Amino acid sequence: MDTLNNRSSVSEFILLGLSSSREIQILFFAIFFLVYVAIVVGNLLIVISVIFDNHLHSPMYFLLANLSFFDLCLSSVATPKVIADFLRKRKTISMRGCMTQMFFMHFFGGGEMSLLIAMAIDRYVAICKPLHYQTIMNHRVLIVLLLVSWTTGLIHTTSQMVFTIGLPFCGPNVVDSIFCDLPLVIKLACTETYILELLVIADSGLLSLVCFILLLTSYIIMLVTIWQHSSSASSKAVSTLSAHITVVTLFFGPAIFIYAFPFNSYSVDKFLSIFYSVITPLLNPIIYTLRNQEMKAAIKRLSSQHILTCRS
């Protein structure tokens, strides 16, 4: 960070936000505040339910709880500041704050990509190799999958930020977004960034696209397997898979679009960034709780226990 400050005359970035209208910004403040509260409550509820309910002590729910933790962290990197900025006339973020924001956005984003693949592996084993499920998806394998997710996130963000931090910023400092977005910030550097732009496309864009294709392929294989071996559990398996496919599409769709054309000025990218970092972490707990009878039952049991504890 010190090297960055020495080479740059820019000490902060100005964020344009979503609108210059005071009334609209107040409306956005209310919407984003309610959404963020829902994100925190929904994802924490899933994590707590999985931890304290013995009925949810299975590989699938272990991975789901970690997905909720990633979602909670991903949304918390930028959303609280975004909400506060809606009440400010001049929206700024320090150089260090901007770099930190981008680092953790890609850290948790990259980790979640890997975790979604781990969840697909879990469902593949459960559907295609049900007799060996407990043997294959043992505690050691789950820990390894989780460590791979954290490591992937760290490698993903470090491989990009190690070059971004060293960029000199000595001219424009206006970012047309509500938070620091890597492609937009790179464009402001007062040096040639063509190679770094290619790195971002290869790292974020191709990683998102490849993961998305692999996940869809695995889900197609699982759906074919279900249709070939019809059983009483088929409807439950299809319901679980459809929830996973929905989450994967909502997570990877905006990311692929943003990083497939990362250095073109499309206003739609701003709203896709919001969808990727704010809306998806809200939809994940909704999709998994409303479509999952076991999770709804666990939440009811948790609520009942809490009420009984308060009364006693």
C-alpha atoms as a PDB file:
ATOM      1  CA  MET A   1       0.000   0.000   0.000  1.00  0.00           C
ATOM      2  CA  ASP A   2       2.855   2.386   0.788  1.00  0.00           C
ATOM      3  CA  THR A   3       4.322   1.765  -2.680  1.00  0.00           C
ATOM      4  CA  LEU A   4       0.956   2.619  -4.180  1.00  0.00           C
ATOM      5  CA  ASN A   5       0.738   5.883  -2.263  1.00  0.00           C
ATOM      6  CA  ASN A   6       4.272   6.877  -3.271  1.00  0.00           C
ATOM      7  CA  ARG A   7       3.572   6.367  -6.985  1.00  0.00           C
ATOM      8  CA  SER A   8       0.084   7.901  -7.007  1.00  0.00           C
ATOM      9  CA  SER A   9      -1.115  11.447  -6.545  1.00  0.00           C
ATOM     10  CA  VAL A  10      -4.684  10.194  -6.139  1.00  0.00           C
ATOM     11  CA  SER A  11      -5.526   9.521  -2.476  1.00  0.00           C
ATOM     12  CA  GLU A  12      -9.220   8.738  -2.926  1.00  0.00           C
ATOM     13  CA  PHE A  13     -11.793   7.760  -5.510  1.00  0.00           C
ATOM     14  CA  ILE A  14     -15.157   9.412  -6.109  1.00  0.00           C
ATOM     15  CA  LEU A  15     -18.069   7.009  -6.553  1.00  0.00           C
ATOM     16  CA  LEU A  16     -20.872   8.248  -8.807  1.00  0.00           C
ATOM     17  CA  GLY A  17     -23.470   5.943  -7.286  1.00  0.00           C
ATOM     18  CA  LEU A  18     -26.812   5.137  -8.899  1.00  0.00           C
ATOM     19  CA  SER A  19     -28.449   8.553  -9.069  1.00  0.00           C
ATOM     20  CA  SER A  20     -27.836  12.223  -8.321  1.00  0.00           C
ATOM     21  CA  SER A  21     -31.444  12.770  -7.221  1.00  0.00           C
ATOM     22  CA  ARG A  22     -31.758  13.176  -3.440  1.00  0.00           C
ATOM     23  CA  GLU A  23     -35.236  11.608  -3.365  1.00  0.00           C
ATOM     24  CA  ILE A  24     -34.138   8.556  -5.362  1.00  0.00           C
ATOM     25  CA  GLN A  25     -31.072   8.128  -3.158  1.00  0.00           C
ATOM     26  CA  ILE A  26     -33.305   8.080  -0.050  1.00  0.00           C
ATOM     27  CA  LEU A  27     -35.428   5.417  -1.748  1.00  0.00           C
ATOM     28  CA  PHE A  28     -32.322   3.373  -2.579  1.00  0.00           C
ATOM     29  CA  PHE A  29     -31.128   3.774   1.018  1.00  0.00           C
ATOM     30  CA  ALA A  30     -34.368   2.233   2.329  1.00  0.00           C
ATOM     31  CA  ILE A  31     -34.307  -0.592  -0.237  1.00  0.00           C
ATOM     32  CA  PHE A  32     -30.637  -1.502   0.255  1.00  0.00           C
ATOM     33  CA  PHE A  33     -30.945  -1.274   4.045  1.00  0.00           C
ATOM     34  CA  LEU A  34     -33.888  -3.690   4.100  1.00  0.00           C
ATOM     35  CA  VAL A  35     -32.164  -6.027   1.632  1.00  0.00           C
ATOM     36  CA  TYR A  36     -28.960  -6.076   3.687  1.00  0.00           C
ATOM     37  CA  VAL A  37     -30.868  -6.799   6.914  1.00  0.00           C
ATOM     38  CA  ALA A  38     -32.606  -9.666   5.106  1.00  0.00           C
ATOM     39  CA  ILE A  39     -29.239 -10.951   3.863  1.00  0.00           C
ATOM     40  CA  VAL A  40     -27.736 -10.944   7.353  1.00  0.00           C
ATOM     41  CA  VAL A  41     -30.778 -12.489   9.039  1.00  0.00           C
ATOM     42  CA  GLY A  42     -31.414 -15.089   6.310  1.00  0.00           C
ATOM     43  CA  ASN A  43     -27.855 -16.319   5.991  1.00  0.00           C
ATOM     44  CA  LEU A  44     -27.177 -16.284   9.731  1.00  0.00           C
ATOM     45  CA  LEU A  45     -30.369 -18.261  10.254  1.00  0.00           C
ATOM     46  CA  ILE A  46     -29.118 -20.958   7.882  1.00  0.00           C
ATOM     47  CA  VAL A  47     -25.677 -21.092   9.526  1.00  0.00           C
ATOM     48  CA  ILE A  48     -27.124 -21.273  13.056  1.00  0.00           C
ATOM     49  CA  SER A  49     -29.708 -23.901  12.055  1.00  0.00           C
ATOM     50  CA  VAL A  50     -27.052 -26.149  10.515  1.00  0.00           C
ATOM     51  CA  ILE A  51     -24.773 -25.790  13.540  1.00  0.00           C
ATOM     52  CA  PHE A  52     -27.367 -26.476  16.255  1.00  0.00           C
ATOM     53  CA  ASP A  53     -29.848 -28.837  14.552  1.00  0.00           C
ATOM     54  CA  ASN A  54     -28.699 -32.466  14.516  1.00  0.00           C
ATOM     55  CA  HIS A  55     -31.022 -33.248  11.615  1.00  0.00           C
ATOM     56  CA  LEU A  56     -28.910 -30.986   9.395  1.00  0.00           C
ATOM     57  CA  HIS A  57     -25.535 -32.507  10.240  1.00  0.00           C
ATOM     58  CA  SER A  58     -24.935 -33.840   6.736  1.00  0.00           C
ATOM     59  CA  PRO A  59     -22.444 -32.949   3.979  1.00  0.00           C
ATOM     60  CA  MET A  60     -25.050 -31.068   1.917  1.00  0.00           C
ATOM     61  CA  TYR A  61     -26.045 -28.772   4.773  1.00  0.00           C
ATOM     62  CA  PHE A  62     -22.445 -28.334   5.892  1.00  0.00           C
ATOM     63  CA  LEU A  63     -21.646 -26.940   2.435  1.00  0.00           C
ATOM     64  CA  LEU A  64     -24.855 -24.902   2.407  1.00  0.00           C
ATOM     65  CA  ALA A  65     -23.938 -23.263   5.719  1.00  0.00           C
ATOM     66  CA  ASN A  66     -20.536 -22.340   4.311  1.00  0.00           C
ATOM     67  CA  LEU A  67     -22.202 -20.919   1.191  1.00  0.00           C
ATOM     68  CA  SER A  68     -24.347 -18.728   3.449  1.00  0.00           C
ATOM     69  CA  PHE A  69     -21.204 -17.604   5.289  1.00  0.00           C
ATOM     70  CA  PHE A  70     -19.542 -16.677   1.977  1.00  0.00           C
ATOM     71  CA  ASP A  71     -22.682 -14.795   0.904  1.00  0.00           C
ATOM     72  CA  LEU A  72     -22.795 -12.919   4.180  1.00  0.00           C
ATOM     73  CA  CYS A  73     -19.136 -11.902   3.872  1.00  0.00           C
ATOM     74  CA  LEU A  74     -19.425 -11.023   0.157  1.00  0.00           C
ATOM     75  CA  SER A  75     -22.354  -8.679   0.726  1.00  0.00           C
ATOM     76  CA  SER A  76     -20.747  -7.151   3.821  1.00  0.00           C
ATOM     77  CA  VAL A  77     -17.591  -6.094   1.968  1.00  0.00           C
ATOM     78  CA  ALA A  78     -19.282  -3.192   0.182  1.00  0.00           C
ATOM     79  CA  THR A  79     -22.995  -3.004   1.045  1.00  0.00           C
ATOM     80  CA  PRO A  80     -22.742  -1.194   4.454  1.00  0.00           C
ATOM     81  CA  LYS A  81     -20.684   1.598   2.846  1.00  0.00           C
ATOM     82  CA  VAL A  82     -23.030   1.697  -0.157  1.00  0.00           C
ATOM     83  CA  ILE A  83     -25.970   2.188   2.221  1.00  0.00           C
ATOM     84  CA  ALA A  84     -24.160   4.968   4.110  1.00  0.00           C
ATOM     85  CA  ASP A  85     -23.168   6.669   0.841  1.00  0.00           C
ATOM     86  CA  PHE A  86     -26.811   7.070  -0.164  1.00  0.00           C
ATOM     87  CA  LEU A  87     -27.046   9.622   2.665  1.00  0.00           C
ATOM     88  CA  ARG A  88     -23.914  11.498   1.564  1.00  0.00           C
ATOM     89  CA  LYS A  89     -23.739  14.166  -1.100  1.00  0.00           C
ATOM     90  CA  ARG A  90     -20.099  13.401  -1.916  1.00  0.00           C
ATOM     91  CA  LYS A  91     -19.321   9.700  -2.073  1.00  0.00           C
ATOM     92  CA  THR A  92     -15.633   8.928  -1.703  1.00  0.00           C
ATOM     93  CA  ILE A  93     -13.452   5.999  -0.743  1.00  0.00           C
ATOM     94  CA  SER A  94      -9.775   6.097   0.172  1.00  0.00           C
ATOM     95  CA  MET A  95      -7.157   4.390  -1.952  1.00  0.00           C
ATOM     96  CA  ARG A  96      -6.559   1.772   0.744  1.00  0.00           C
ATOM     97  CA  GLY A  97     -10.280   1.299   1.233  1.00  0.00           C
ATOM     98  CA  CYS A  98     -10.794   0.797  -2.491  1.00  0.00           C
ATOM     99  CA  MET A  99      -8.030  -1.786  -2.804  1.00  0.00           C
ATOM    100  CA  THR A 100      -9.229  -3.603   0.317  1.00  0.00           C
ATOM    101  CA  GLN A 101     -12.781  -3.663  -1.023  1.00  0.00           C
ATOM    102  CA  MET A 102     -11.696  -5.164  -4.356  1.00  0.00           C
ATOM    103  CA  PHE A 103      -9.429  -7.697  -2.645  1.00  0.00           C
ATOM    104  CA  PHE A 104     -12.192  -9.131  -0.466  1.00  0.00           C
ATOM    105  CA  MET A 105     -14.852  -8.936  -3.191  1.00  0.00           C
ATOM    106  CA  HIS A 106     -12.747 -11.228  -5.384  1.00  0.00           C
ATOM    107  CA  PHE A 107     -11.619 -13.307  -2.423  1.00  0.00           C
ATOM    108  CA  PHE A 108     -15.127 -14.269  -1.350  1.00  0.00           C
ATOM    109  CA  GLY A 109     -16.384 -14.310  -4.939  1.00  0.00           C
ATOM    110  CA  GLY A 110     -13.680 -16.723  -6.071  1.00  0.00           C
ATOM    111  CA  GLY A 111     -14.169 -18.841  -2.965  1.00  0.00           C
ATOM    112  CA  GLU A 112     -17.907 -19.072  -3.617  1.00  0.00           C
ATOM    113  CA  MET A 113     -17.279 -20.275  -7.179  1.00  0.00           C
ATOM    114  CA  SER A 114     -15.224 -23.160  -5.841  1.00  0.00           C
ATOM    115  CA  LEU A 115     -17.769 -23.872  -3.097  1.00  0.00           C
ATOM    116  CA  LEU A 116     -20.594 -24.139  -5.639  1.00  0.00           C
ATOM    117  CA  ILE A 117     -18.545 -26.762  -7.471  1.00  0.00           C
ATOM    118  CA  ALA A 118     -18.066 -28.606  -4.166  1.00  0.00           C
ATOM    119  CA  MET A 119     -21.838 -28.572  -3.685  1.00  0.00           C
ATOM    120  CA  ALA A 120     -22.282 -29.986  -7.192  1.00  0.00           C
ATOM    121  CA  ILE A 121     -19.817 -32.779  -6.350  1.00  0.00           C
ATOM    122  CA  ASP A 122     -21.820 -33.566  -3.222  1.00  0.00           C
ATOM    123  CA  ARG A 123     -25.074 -33.800  -5.199  1.00  0.00           C
ATOM    124  CA  TYR A 124     -23.384 -35.879  -7.922  1.00  0.00           C
ATOM    125  CA  VAL A 125     -22.183 -38.449  -5.389  1.00  0.00           C
ATOM    126  CA  ALA A 126     -25.573 -38.491  -3.624  1.00  0.00           C
ATOM    127  CA  ILE A 127     -27.480 -39.086  -6.862  1.00  0.00           C
ATOM    128  CA  CYS A 128     -25.090 -41.146  -8.987  1.00  0.00           C
ATOM    129  CA  LYS A 129     -23.348 -43.149  -6.211  1.00  0.00           C
ATOM    130  CA  PRO A 130     -25.886 -43.224  -3.350  1.00  0.00           C
ATOM    131  CA  LEU A 131     -24.596 -46.465  -1.786  1.00  0.00           C
ATOM    132  CA  HIS A 132     -21.117 -44.989  -1.369  1.00  0.00           C
ATOM    133  CA  TYR A 133     -22.222 -41.471  -0.375  1.00  0.00           C
ATOM    134  CA  GLN A 134     -21.276 -41.620   3.313  1.00  0.00           C
ATOM    135  CA  THR A 135     -17.927 -43.222   2.488  1.00  0.00           C
ATOM    136  CA  ILE A 136     -16.970 -40.741  -0.242  1.00  0.00           C
ATOM    137  CA  MET A 137     -18.324 -37.546   1.356  1.00  0.00           C
ATOM    138  CA  ASN A 138     -16.662 -38.100   4.712  1.00  0.00           C
ATOM    139  CA  HIS A 139     -15.499 -35.420   7.147  1.00  0.00           C
ATOM    140  CA  ARG A 140     -11.973 -35.279   5.713  1.00  0.00           C
ATOM    141  CA  VAL A 141     -13.252 -34.741   2.154  1.00  0.00           C
ATOM    142  CA  LEU A 142     -15.536 -31.934   3.318  1.00  0.00           C
ATOM    143  CA  ILE A 143     -12.661 -30.151   5.065  1.00  0.00           C
ATOM    144  CA  VAL A 144     -10.502 -30.520   1.950  1.00  0.00           C
ATOM    145  CA  LEU A 145     -13.274 -29.083  -0.255  1.00  0.00           C
ATOM    146  CA  LEU A 146     -13.684 -26.163   2.124  1.00  0.00           C
ATOM    147  CA  LEU A 147      -9.935 -25.495   2.213  1.00  0.00           C
ATOM    148  CA  VAL A 148      -9.830 -25.629  -1.589  1.00  0.00           C
ATOM    149  CA  SER A 149     -12.583 -23.002  -1.690  1.00  0.00           C
ATOM    150  CA  TRP A 150     -10.682 -20.630   0.613  1.00  0.00           C
ATOM    151  CA  THR A 151      -7.431 -21.254  -1.269  1.00  0.00           C
ATOM    152  CA  THR A 152      -9.078 -20.664  -4.643  1.00  0.00           C
ATOM    153  CA  GLY A 153     -10.471 -17.354  -3.414  1.00  0.00           C
ATOM    154  CA  LEU A 154      -7.064 -16.287  -2.122  1.00  0.00           C
ATOM    155  CA  ILE A 155      -5.248 -17.223  -5.343  1.00  0.00           C
ATOM    156  CA  HIS A 156      -7.984 -15.644  -7.462  1.00  0.00           C
ATOM    157  CA  THR A 157      -7.822 -12.264  -5.754  1.00  0.00           C
ATOM    158  CA  THR A 158      -4.063 -12.191  -5.138  1.00  0.00           C
ATOM    159  CA  SER A 159      -3.238 -12.929  -8.795  1.00  0.00           C
ATOM    160  CA  GLN A 160      -5.092  -9.756  -9.796  1.00  0.00           C
ATOM    161  CA  MET A 161      -4.563  -7.420  -6.863  1.00  0.00           C
ATOM    162  CA  VAL A 162      -0.796  -7.925  -6.711  1.00  0.00           C
ATOM    163  CA  PHE A 163      -0.573  -6.031 -10.014  1.00  0.00           C
ATOM    164  CA  THR A 164      -3.401  -3.576  -9.350  1.00  0.00           C
ATOM    165  CA  ILE A 165      -1.915  -2.312  -6.091  1.00  0.00           C
ATOM    166  CA  GLY A 166       1.261  -1.287  -7.937  1.00  0.00           C
ATOM    167  CA  LEU A 167      -0.554   0.819 -10.544  1.00  0.00           C
ATOM    168  CA  PRO A 168       0.054   4.592 -10.486  1.00  0.00           C
ATOM    169  CA  PHE A 169      -3.087   6.724 -10.253  1.00  0.00           C
ATOM    170  CA  CYS A 170      -2.369  10.356 -11.067  1.00  0.00           C
ATOM    171  CA  GLY A 171      -5.319  11.592 -13.116  1.00  0.00           C
ATOM    172  CA  PRO A 172      -9.048  10.820 -13.136  1.00  0.00           C
ATOM    173  CA  ASN A 173     -10.415   9.352  -9.918  1.00  0.00           C
ATOM    174  CA  VAL A 174     -14.136   9.000 -10.686  1.00  0.00           C
ATOM    175  CA  VAL A 175     -15.561   5.459 -10.582  1.00  0.00           C
ATOM    176  CA  ASP A 176     -18.961   5.061 -12.237  1.00  0.00           C
ATOM    177  CA  SER A 177     -20.270   2.563  -9.700  1.00  0.00           C
ATOM    178  CA  ILE A 178     -21.461   2.290  -6.107  1.00  0.00           C
ATOM    179  CA  PHE A 179     -18.299   0.491  -5.017  1.00  0.00           C
ATOM    180  CA  CYS A 180     -14.777  -0.113  -6.317  1.00  0.00           C
ATOM    181  CA  ASP A 181     -15.065  -2.427  -9.304  1.00  0.00           C
ATOM    182  CA  LEU A 182     -11.758  -3.852 -10.557  1.00  0.00           C
ATOM    183  CA  PRO A 183     -12.212  -3.232 -14.330  1.00  0.00           C
ATOM    184  CA  LEU A 184     -13.390   0.352 -13.725  1.00  0.00           C
ATOM    185  CA  VAL A 185     -10.535   1.166 -11.343  1.00  0.00           C
ATOM    186  CA  ILE A 186      -7.901  -0.275 -13.696  1.00  0.00           C
ATOM    187  CA  LYS A 187      -9.130   2.060 -16.444  1.00  0.00           C
ATOM    188  CA  LEU A 188      -8.171   5.060 -14.266  1.00  0.00           C
ATOM    189  CA  ALA A 189      -4.471   4.126 -14.010  1.00  0.00           C
ATOM    190  CA  CYS A 190      -2.107   6.537 -15.764  1.00  0.00           C
ATOM    191  CA  THR A 191      -0.144   3.782 -17.474  1.00  0.00           C
ATOM    192  CA  GLU A 192      -0.668   1.093 -20.101  1.00  0.00           C
ATOM    193  CA  THR A 193      -2.908  -1.612 -18.626  1.00  0.00           C
ATOM    194  CA  TYR A 194      -3.582  -3.820 -21.671  1.00  0.00           C
ATOM    195  CA  ILE A 195      -1.784  -6.851 -20.195  1.00  0.00           C
ATOM    196  CA  LEU A 196      -3.534  -6.422 -16.862  1.00  0.00           C
ATOM    197  CA  GLU A 197      -6.885  -6.139 -18.640  1.00  0.00           C
ATOM    198  CA  LEU A 198      -6.202  -9.465 -20.353  1.00  0.00           C
ATOM    199  CA  LEU A 199      -5.266 -10.965 -16.986  1.00  0.00           C
ATOM    200  CA  VAL A 200      -8.571  -9.825 -15.475  1.00  0.00           C
ATOM    201  CA  ILE A 201     -10.494 -11.286 -18.420  1.00  0.00           C
ATOM    202  CA  ALA A 202      -8.591 -14.570 -18.181  1.00  0.00           C
ATOM    203  CA  ASP A 203      -8.728 -14.763 -14.396  1.00  0.00           C
ATOM    204  CA  SER A 204     -12.279 -13.628 -13.656  1.00  0.00           C
ATOM    205  CA  GLY A 205     -14.082 -14.035 -16.970  1.00  0.00           C
ATOM    206  CA  LEU A 206     -12.780 -17.420 -18.051  1.00  0.00           C
ATOM    207  CA  LEU A 207     -12.837 -18.787 -14.496  1.00  0.00           C
ATOM    208  CA  SER A 208     -16.511 -17.845 -14.184  1.00  0.00           C
ATOM    209  CA  LEU A 209     -17.365 -19.236 -17.609  1.00  0.00           C
ATOM    210  CA  VAL A 210     -15.474 -22.527 -17.156  1.00  0.00           C
ATOM    211  CA  CYS A 211     -16.959 -23.107 -13.695  1.00  0.00           C
ATOM    212  CA  PHE A 212     -20.432 -22.331 -15.005  1.00  0.00           C
ATOM    213  CA  ILE A 213     -20.086 -24.785 -17.921  1.00  0.00           C
ATOM    214  CA  LEU A 214     -18.704 -27.515 -15.639  1.00  0.00           C
ATOM    215  CA  LEU A 215     -21.529 -27.027 -13.177  1.00  0.00           C
ATOM    216  CA  LEU A 216     -24.252 -27.098 -15.815  1.00  0.00           C
ATOM    217  CA  THR A 217     -22.702 -30.212 -17.364  1.00  0.00           C
ATOM    218  CA  SER A 218     -22.656 -31.987 -14.008  1.00  0.00           C
ATOM    219  CA  TYR A 219     -26.273 -31.035 -13.333  1.00  0.00           C
ATOM    220  CA  ILE A 220     -27.346 -32.349 -16.747  1.00  0.00           C
ATOM    221  CA  ILE A 221     -25.627 -35.672 -15.976  1.00  0.00           C
ATOM    222  CA  MET A 222     -27.408 -35.827 -12.628  1.00  0.00           C
ATOM    223  CA  LEU A 223     -30.813 -35.052 -14.148  1.00  0.00           C
ATOM    224  CA  VAL A 224     -30.302 -37.773 -16.769  1.00  0.00           C
ATOM    225  CA  THR A 225     -29.361 -40.216 -13.993  1.00  0.00           C
ATOM    226  CA  ILE A 226     -32.517 -39.334 -12.067  1.00  0.00           C
ATOM    227  CA  TRP A 227     -34.722 -39.892 -15.105  1.00  0.00           C
ATOM    228  CA  GLN A 228     -33.075 -43.267 -15.805  1.00  0.00           C
ATOM    229  CA  HIS A 229     -33.472 -44.482 -12.225  1.00  0.00           C
ATOM    230  CA  SER A 230     -36.881 -43.240 -11.204  1.00  0.00           C
ATOM    231  CA  SER A 231     -37.614 -43.648  -7.501  1.00  0.00           C
ATOM    232  CA  SER A 232     -39.590 -42.105  -4.666  1.00  0.00           C
ATOM    233  CA  ALA A 233     -36.671 -39.784  -3.955  1.00  0.00           C
ATOM    234  CA  SER A 234     -36.592 -38.441  -7.512  1.00  0.00           C
ATOM    235  CA  SER A 235     -38.866 -35.474  -6.885  1.00  0.00           C
ATOM    236  CA  LYS A 236     -36.797 -34.414  -3.862  1.00  0.00           C
ATOM    237  CA  ALA A 237     -33.555 -34.765  -5.851  1.00  0.00           C
ATOM    238  CA  VAL A 238     -34.964 -32.748  -8.761  1.00  0.00           C
ATOM    239  CA  SER A 239     -36.153 -30.048  -6.335  1.00  0.00           C
ATOM    240  CA  THR A 240     -32.699 -29.867  -4.734  1.00  0.00           C
ATOM    241  CA  LEU A 241     -30.985 -29.753  -8.132  1.00  0.00           C
ATOM    242  CA  SER A 242     -33.299 -27.055  -9.439  1.00  0.00           C
ATOM    243  CA  ALA A 243     -32.433 -24.922  -6.400  1.00  0.00           C
ATOM    244  CA  HIS A 244     -28.714 -25.438  -7.040  1.00  0.00           C
ATOM    245  CA  ILE A 245     -29.073 -24.635 -10.749  1.00  0.00           C
ATOM    246  CA  THR A 246     -30.980 -21.441  -9.916  1.00  0.00           C
ATOM    247  CA  VAL A 247     -28.276 -20.287  -7.498  1.00  0.00           C
ATOM    248  CA  VAL A 248     -25.506 -21.108  -9.975  1.00  0.00           C
ATOM    249  CA  THR A 249     -27.228 -19.223 -12.790  1.00  0.00           C
ATOM    250  CA  LEU A 250     -27.901 -16.173 -10.613  1.00  0.00           C
ATOM    251  CA  PHE A 251     -24.323 -16.142  -9.324  1.00  0.00           C
ATOM    252  CA  PHE A 252     -22.381 -16.796 -12.523  1.00  0.00           C
ATOM    253  CA  GLY A 253     -24.638 -15.063 -15.057  1.00  0.00           C
ATOM    254  CA  PRO A 254     -23.872 -11.446 -14.075  1.00  0.00           C
ATOM    255  CA  ALA A 255     -20.208 -12.242 -13.359  1.00  0.00           C
ATOM    256  CA  ILE A 256     -19.698 -13.768 -16.819  1.00  0.00           C
ATOM    257  CA  PHE A 257     -21.349 -10.808 -18.532  1.00  0.00           C
ATOM    258  CA  ILE A 258     -19.359  -8.223 -16.568  1.00  0.00           C
ATOM    259  CA  TYR A 259     -15.990  -9.874 -17.174  1.00  0.00           C
ATOM    260  CA  ALA A 260     -16.691 -10.954 -20.749  1.00  0.00           C
ATOM    261  CA  PHE A 261     -16.861  -7.246 -21.662  1.00  0.00           C
ATOM    262  CA  PRO A 262     -15.112  -5.683 -18.666  1.00  0.00           C
ATOM    263  CA  PHE A 263     -13.592  -2.590 -20.229  1.00  0.00           C
ATOM    264  CA  ASN A 264     -16.512  -1.325 -22.261  1.00  0.00           C
ATOM    265  CA  SER A 265     -18.715   1.406 -20.874  1.00  0.00           C
ATOM    266  CA  TYR A 266     -22.059  -0.300 -20.392  1.00  0.00           C
ATOM    267  CA  SER A 267     -24.358   1.227 -17.792  1.00  0.00           C
ATOM    268  CA  VAL A 268     -25.950  -2.204 -17.383  1.00  0.00           C
ATOM    269  CA  ASP A 269     -22.700  -3.449 -15.777  1.00  0.00           C
ATOM    270  CA  LYS A 270     -23.398  -1.232 -12.767  1.00  0.00           C
ATOM    271  CA  PHE A 271     -26.707  -2.927 -12.113  1.00  0.00           C
ATOM    272  CA  LEU A 272     -25.274  -6.382 -12.788  1.00  0.00           C
ATOM    273  CA  SER A 273     -22.615  -5.646 -10.154  1.00  0.00           C
ATOM    274  CA  ILE A 274     -25.384  -4.863  -7.677  1.00  0.00           C
ATOM    275  CA  PHE A 275     -27.162  -8.088  -8.585  1.00  0.00           C
ATOM    276  CA  TYR A 276     -23.952 -10.103  -8.171  1.00  0.00           C
ATOM    277  CA  SER A 277     -22.905  -8.621  -4.831  1.00  0.00           C
ATOM    278  CA  VAL A 278     -26.222  -7.748  -3.166  1.00  0.00           C
ATOM    279  CA  ILE A 279     -29.212  -9.515  -4.703  1.00  0.00           C
ATOM    280  CA  THR A 280     -27.691 -13.014  -5.079  1.00  0.00           C
ATOM    281  CA  PRO A 281     -26.697 -13.267  -1.371  1.00  0.00           C
ATOM    282  CA  LEU A 282     -30.340 -12.437  -0.586  1.00  0.00           C
ATOM    283  CA  LEU A 283     -31.808 -14.953  -3.035  1.00  0.00           C
ATOM    284  CA  ASN A 284     -29.623 -17.867  -1.907  1.00  0.00           C
ATOM    285  CA  PRO A 285     -31.208 -18.294   1.554  1.00  0.00           C
ATOM    286  CA  ILE A 286     -34.685 -17.705   0.080  1.00  0.00           C
ATOM    287  CA  ILE A 287     -34.178 -20.377  -2.587  1.00  0.00           C
ATOM    288  CA  TYR A 288     -32.713 -22.948  -0.201  1.00  0.00           C
ATOM    289  CA  THR A 289     -35.162 -22.369   2.677  1.00  0.00           C
ATOM    290  CA  LEU A 290     -38.440 -21.990   0.804  1.00  0.00           C
ATOM    291  CA  ARG A 291     -37.769 -25.082  -1.323  1.00  0.00           C
ATOM    292  CA  ASN A 292     -36.319 -27.249   1.425  1.00  0.00           C
ATOM    293  CA  GLN A 293     -38.676 -28.901   3.906  1.00  0.00           C
ATOM    294  CA  GLU A 294     -35.868 -30.047   6.217  1.00  0.00           C
ATOM    295  CA  MET A 295     -34.451 -26.532   6.468  1.00  0.00           C
ATOM    296  CA  LYS A 296     -37.887 -25.030   7.187  1.00  0.00           C
ATOM    297  CA  ALA A 297     -38.505 -27.674   9.858  1.00  0.00           C
ATOM    298  CA  ALA A 298     -35.107 -26.961  11.439  1.00  0.00           C
ATOM    299  CA  ILE A 299     -35.843 -23.231  11.568  1.00  0.00           C
ATOM    300  CA  LYS A 300     -39.194 -23.931  13.229  1.00  0.00           C
ATOM    301  CA  ARG A 301     -37.499 -26.182  15.810  1.00  0.00           C
ATOM    302  CA  LEU A 302     -34.871 -23.522  16.440  1.00  0.00           C
ATOM    303  CA  SER A 303     -37.558 -20.871  16.913  1.00  0.00           C
ATOM    304  CA  SER A 304     -39.530 -23.111  19.269  1.00  0.00           C
ATOM    305  CA  GLN A 305     -36.456 -23.834  21.376  1.00  0.00           C
ATOM    306  CA  HIS A 306     -35.679 -20.118  21.572  1.00  0.00           C
ATOM    307  CA  ILE A 307     -39.241 -19.328  22.696  1.00  0.00           C
ATOM    308  CA  LEU A 308     -39.135 -22.054  25.345  1.00  0.00           C
ATOM    309  CA  THR A 309     -35.761 -20.799  26.597  1.00  0.00           C
ATOM    310  CA  CYS A 310     -37.057 -17.231  26.877  1.00  0.00           C
ATOM    311  CA  ARG A 311     -40.171 -18.365  28.775  1.00  0.00           C
ATOM    312  CA  SER A 312     -38.152 -20.455  31.222  1.00  0.00           C
END
